[in-house]
């Protein structure tokens, strides 16, 4: 897996980084039942489907970027990215306190730093408008909904990086992207060693997102753009 990550991203995982990820994997397995974090617990699958998949996003992230992971869950992609890219400043946002607590403890075990917010995406956006270079989201929502949750927090000229399996949702999200001031500028397709397809969609913020977005009271899901 280490070789695969290097081949795809040109990131050389050091022994220390591999040790940090191994600690993360073991802690995830130990705590998973308590926190209901993931259906994937086999170590080889965790490394491939969570760690490698998360780190692939590095190909689109500028050096020294401030990154906010919306709906961070068990910490993917933010924490594997932070391990592989220590230059990044990462912030994790999740609506469930138990998941934030888990990721805080995971960081302590790995000896890495991050910022944490127990908050709903739409509430977080009100106080962090245009605060980050990059917003990420993985396994959060359909693309048009995901863009609404993330666009407001990204600086003008910054990017929303959506983790998907393919390009099938792009057409569905065209109206959302236009409304929110986003433009699809790049895509990166990968195949994991097990044959699973992965696709990174890179949306650049080309105009200020209207202050009305993201809408409150779960409206992004109830009435998608």
Protein backbone atom coordinates (compact mmCIF):
# COMPACT_ATOMS: atom_id res chain seq x y z
CA UNK A 1 0.00 0.00 0.00
CA UNK A 2 2.90 2.33 0.74
CA UNK A 3 4.18 1.82 -2.83
CA UNK A 4 0.70 2.38 -4.25
CA UNK A 5 0.35 5.70 -2.43
CA UNK A 6 3.72 6.86 -3.73
CA UNK A 7 2.94 5.82 -7.31
CA UNK A 8 -0.36 7.73 -7.28
CA UNK A 9 0.62 10.84 -5.29
CA UNK A 10 4.44 10.94 -5.19
CA UNK A 11 4.19 11.15 -1.39
CA UNK A 12 6.90 9.12 0.33
CA UNK A 13 5.43 7.78 3.56
CA UNK A 14 8.18 7.71 6.17
CA UNK A 15 8.46 4.97 8.79
CA UNK A 16 7.05 7.41 11.34
CA UNK A 17 4.03 8.12 9.13
CA UNK A 18 3.39 4.39 8.68
CA UNK A 19 3.64 3.91 12.46
CA UNK A 20 1.16 6.74 13.02
CA UNK A 21 -1.31 5.21 10.57
CA UNK A 22 -0.86 1.79 12.18
CA UNK A 23 -1.77 3.32 15.57
CA UNK A 24 -4.79 4.96 13.96
CA UNK A 25 -5.89 1.66 12.42
CA UNK A 26 -5.62 -0.23 15.69
CA UNK A 27 -7.43 2.49 17.65
CA UNK A 28 -10.21 2.52 15.05
CA UNK A 29 -10.63 -1.23 15.41
CA UNK A 30 -10.67 -1.04 19.21
CA UNK A 31 -13.17 1.80 19.44
CA UNK A 32 -15.38 1.09 16.45
CA UNK A 33 -18.20 -0.70 18.27
CA UNK A 34 -18.40 2.07 20.85
CA UNK A 35 -18.60 4.84 18.28
CA UNK A 36 -20.18 3.06 15.27
CA UNK A 37 -17.60 4.60 12.94
CA UNK A 38 -17.17 2.24 10.00
CA UNK A 39 -18.19 -1.12 8.57
CA UNK A 40 -14.58 -1.62 7.46
CA UNK A 41 -12.41 -3.04 10.25
CA UNK A 42 -10.03 -5.48 8.54
CA UNK A 43 -6.59 -3.79 8.72
CA UNK A 44 -5.78 -4.35 5.05
CA UNK A 45 -9.11 -2.87 4.03
CA UNK A 46 -8.70 0.08 6.40
CA UNK A 47 -5.35 0.90 4.81
CA UNK A 48 -6.74 0.63 1.30
CA UNK A 49 -10.31 1.92 1.50
CA UNK A 50 -9.78 4.57 4.17
CA UNK A 51 -6.11 5.59 4.38
CA UNK A 52 -4.98 5.30 0.75
CA UNK A 53 -8.29 6.63 -0.53
CA UNK A 54 -8.02 9.67 1.77
CA UNK A 55 -4.40 10.41 0.86
CA UNK A 56 -5.18 10.38 -2.87
CA UNK A 57 -6.76 13.80 -2.35
CA UNK A 58 -3.29 15.23 -1.84
CA UNK A 59 -2.81 15.54 -5.61
CA UNK A 60 -5.24 18.48 -5.65
CA UNK A 61 -4.25 20.24 -2.42
CA UNK A 62 -1.74 23.14 -2.48
CA UNK A 63 1.24 23.23 -0.13
CA UNK A 64 0.54 24.75 3.27
CA UNK A 65 -3.22 24.83 2.71
CA UNK A 66 -5.83 25.28 5.43
CA UNK A 67 -8.25 22.40 5.04
CA UNK A 68 -11.67 21.85 6.56
CA UNK A 69 -13.27 18.41 6.49
CA UNK A 70 -17.07 18.62 6.68
CA UNK A 71 -18.81 15.57 8.15
CA UNK A 72 -15.45 14.21 9.24
CA UNK A 73 -16.79 11.07 10.93
CA UNK A 74 -13.89 8.83 11.89
CA UNK A 75 -11.44 11.38 10.46
CA UNK A 76 -11.40 10.55 6.77
CA UNK A 77 -9.93 12.13 4.72
CA UNK A 78 -8.53 14.82 7.05
CA UNK A 79 -6.38 12.76 9.41
CA UNK A 80 -4.64 10.49 6.87
CA UNK A 81 -3.96 13.65 4.83
CA UNK A 82 -2.49 15.35 7.89
CA UNK A 83 -0.20 12.38 8.53
CA UNK A 84 0.99 12.24 4.92
CA UNK A 85 1.08 16.03 4.51
CA UNK A 86 2.28 17.65 7.76
CA UNK A 87 2.31 21.01 5.95
CA UNK A 88 -1.50 21.11 6.05
CA UNK A 89 -3.55 22.77 8.78
CA UNK A 90 -6.67 20.63 9.19
CA UNK A 91 -10.01 21.29 10.84
CA UNK A 92 -12.62 18.59 11.43
CA UNK A 93 -16.34 19.36 11.68
CA UNK A 94 -18.95 16.80 12.67
CA UNK A 95 -22.44 17.01 14.13
CA UNK A 96 -21.89 14.11 16.54
CA UNK A 97 -19.80 14.78 19.65
CA UNK A 98 -18.74 11.14 19.98
CA UNK A 99 -17.06 11.26 16.57
CA UNK A 100 -15.23 14.46 17.44
CA UNK A 101 -14.09 12.85 20.70
CA UNK A 102 -12.80 9.83 18.79
CA UNK A 103 -10.80 11.91 16.33
CA UNK A 104 -9.32 14.00 19.14
CA UNK A 105 -8.10 10.83 20.85
CA UNK A 106 -6.81 9.44 17.55
CA UNK A 107 -4.73 12.58 17.05
CA UNK A 108 -3.31 12.28 20.55
CA UNK A 109 -2.28 8.69 19.86
CA UNK A 110 -0.63 9.63 16.56
CA UNK A 111 1.00 12.78 17.93
CA UNK A 112 -0.51 15.09 15.32
CA UNK A 113 -2.40 18.36 15.70
CA UNK A 114 -5.79 19.36 14.32
CA UNK A 115 -8.71 21.65 15.11
CA UNK A 116 -12.11 20.25 16.03
CA UNK A 117 -15.67 21.61 15.91
CA UNK A 118 -18.77 19.80 17.12
CA UNK A 119 -21.25 21.56 14.85
CA UNK A 120 -23.66 21.14 11.98
CA UNK A 121 -22.20 22.16 8.63
CA UNK A 122 -24.77 24.91 8.05
CA UNK A 123 -24.13 26.44 11.49
CA UNK A 124 -20.35 26.20 11.17
CA UNK A 125 -20.53 28.03 7.83
CA UNK A 126 -22.19 31.05 9.46
CA UNK A 127 -19.15 31.75 11.61
CA UNK A 128 -16.43 30.54 9.21
CA UNK A 129 -17.40 32.06 5.87
CA UNK A 130 -14.50 32.04 3.38
CA UNK A 131 -12.03 30.86 6.02
CA UNK A 132 -10.33 27.90 4.32
CA UNK A 133 -8.27 27.17 1.22
CA UNK A 134 -9.78 23.71 0.82
CA UNK A 135 -12.98 22.00 1.94
CA UNK A 136 -13.21 18.21 1.76
CA UNK A 137 -16.13 15.83 2.13
CA UNK A 138 -16.16 12.06 1.82
CA UNK A 139 -19.19 9.76 2.07
CA UNK A 140 -21.33 12.68 3.26
CA UNK A 141 -24.10 13.28 0.71
CA UNK A 142 -24.96 13.40 -2.99
CA UNK A 143 -22.76 15.90 -4.81
CA UNK A 144 -25.29 18.74 -5.15
CA UNK A 145 -25.97 18.60 -1.40
CA UNK A 146 -22.29 18.22 -0.54
CA UNK A 147 -21.41 21.36 -2.51
CA UNK A 148 -23.96 23.40 -0.57
CA UNK A 149 -22.52 22.23 2.75
CA UNK A 150 -18.94 23.15 1.76
CA UNK A 151 -18.95 26.15 -0.63
CA UNK A 152 -19.49 28.92 1.93
CA UNK A 153 -16.42 28.12 4.03
CA UNK A 154 -13.98 28.19 1.09
CA UNK A 155 -12.05 31.34 0.23
CA UNK A 156 -12.46 32.93 -3.18
CA UNK A 157 -10.03 31.03 -5.40
CA UNK A 158 -10.03 28.05 -3.06
CA UNK A 159 -11.37 24.59 -3.81
CA UNK A 160 -14.00 22.11 -2.74
CA UNK A 161 -12.60 18.60 -3.07
CA UNK A 162 -15.32 15.96 -3.34
CA UNK A 163 -14.46 12.28 -2.94
CA UNK A 164 -16.64 10.16 -5.22
CA UNK A 165 -16.47 6.85 -7.09
CA UNK A 166 -17.01 8.30 -10.58
CA UNK A 167 -18.36 11.28 -12.54
CA UNK A 168 -21.99 10.19 -12.49
CA UNK A 169 -23.19 12.97 -10.14
CA UNK A 170 -21.58 15.90 -11.96
CA UNK A 171 -24.57 16.71 -14.19
CA UNK A 172 -26.92 16.52 -11.20
CA UNK A 173 -24.78 19.12 -9.40
CA UNK A 174 -24.45 21.67 -12.23
CA UNK A 175 -27.16 23.97 -10.89
CA UNK A 176 -25.79 23.77 -7.35
CA UNK A 177 -22.28 24.62 -8.52
CA UNK A 178 -23.49 27.64 -10.52
CA UNK A 179 -25.67 28.90 -7.67
CA UNK A 180 -22.88 28.56 -5.11
CA UNK A 181 -20.11 30.22 -7.17
CA UNK A 182 -18.25 27.00 -7.96
CA UNK A 183 -16.78 25.64 -11.18
CA UNK A 184 -15.57 22.11 -11.85
CA UNK A 185 -11.96 22.62 -12.93
CA UNK A 186 -10.39 19.18 -12.63
CA UNK A 187 -11.03 15.51 -11.98
CA UNK A 188 -8.65 12.76 -10.91
CA UNK A 189 -9.57 9.12 -11.42
CA UNK A 190 -7.87 6.26 -9.59
CA UNK A 191 -8.25 2.52 -9.23
CA UNK A 192 -7.49 1.07 -5.80
CA UNK A 193 -5.50 -2.18 -5.71
CA UNK A 194 -8.70 -4.16 -5.14
CA UNK A 195 -10.15 -2.76 -8.37
CA UNK A 196 -12.47 -0.17 -6.78
CA UNK A 197 -12.87 3.08 -8.70
CA UNK A 198 -12.24 6.44 -7.04
CA UNK A 199 -12.69 9.93 -8.44
CA UNK A 200 -11.72 13.29 -7.00
CA UNK A 201 -13.81 16.24 -8.21
CA UNK A 202 -12.11 19.62 -7.87
CA UNK A 203 -14.42 22.64 -7.75
CA UNK A 204 -12.83 26.10 -7.71
CA UNK A 205 -14.63 28.97 -6.00
CA UNK A 206 -14.90 31.63 -8.70
CA UNK A 207 -17.52 33.86 -7.05
CA UNK A 208 -18.68 34.60 -3.52
CA UNK A 209 -21.27 32.12 -2.28
CA UNK A 210 -24.55 33.91 -1.44
CA UNK A 211 -24.95 34.28 2.32
CA UNK A 212 -28.22 32.32 2.23
CA UNK A 213 -26.21 29.11 1.73
CA UNK A 214 -25.99 26.59 3.21
CA UNK A 215 -29.67 26.75 4.09
CA UNK A 216 -30.73 25.81 7.66
CA UNK A 217 -33.21 23.22 8.95
CA UNK A 218 -31.89 20.41 6.74
CA UNK A 219 -33.16 22.16 3.60
CA UNK A 220 -30.11 21.11 1.50
CA UNK A 221 -31.31 17.50 1.83
CA UNK A 222 -35.03 18.18 1.72
CA UNK A 223 -34.88 20.54 -1.26
CA UNK A 224 -31.54 20.01 -3.07
CA UNK A 225 -30.34 22.67 -5.47
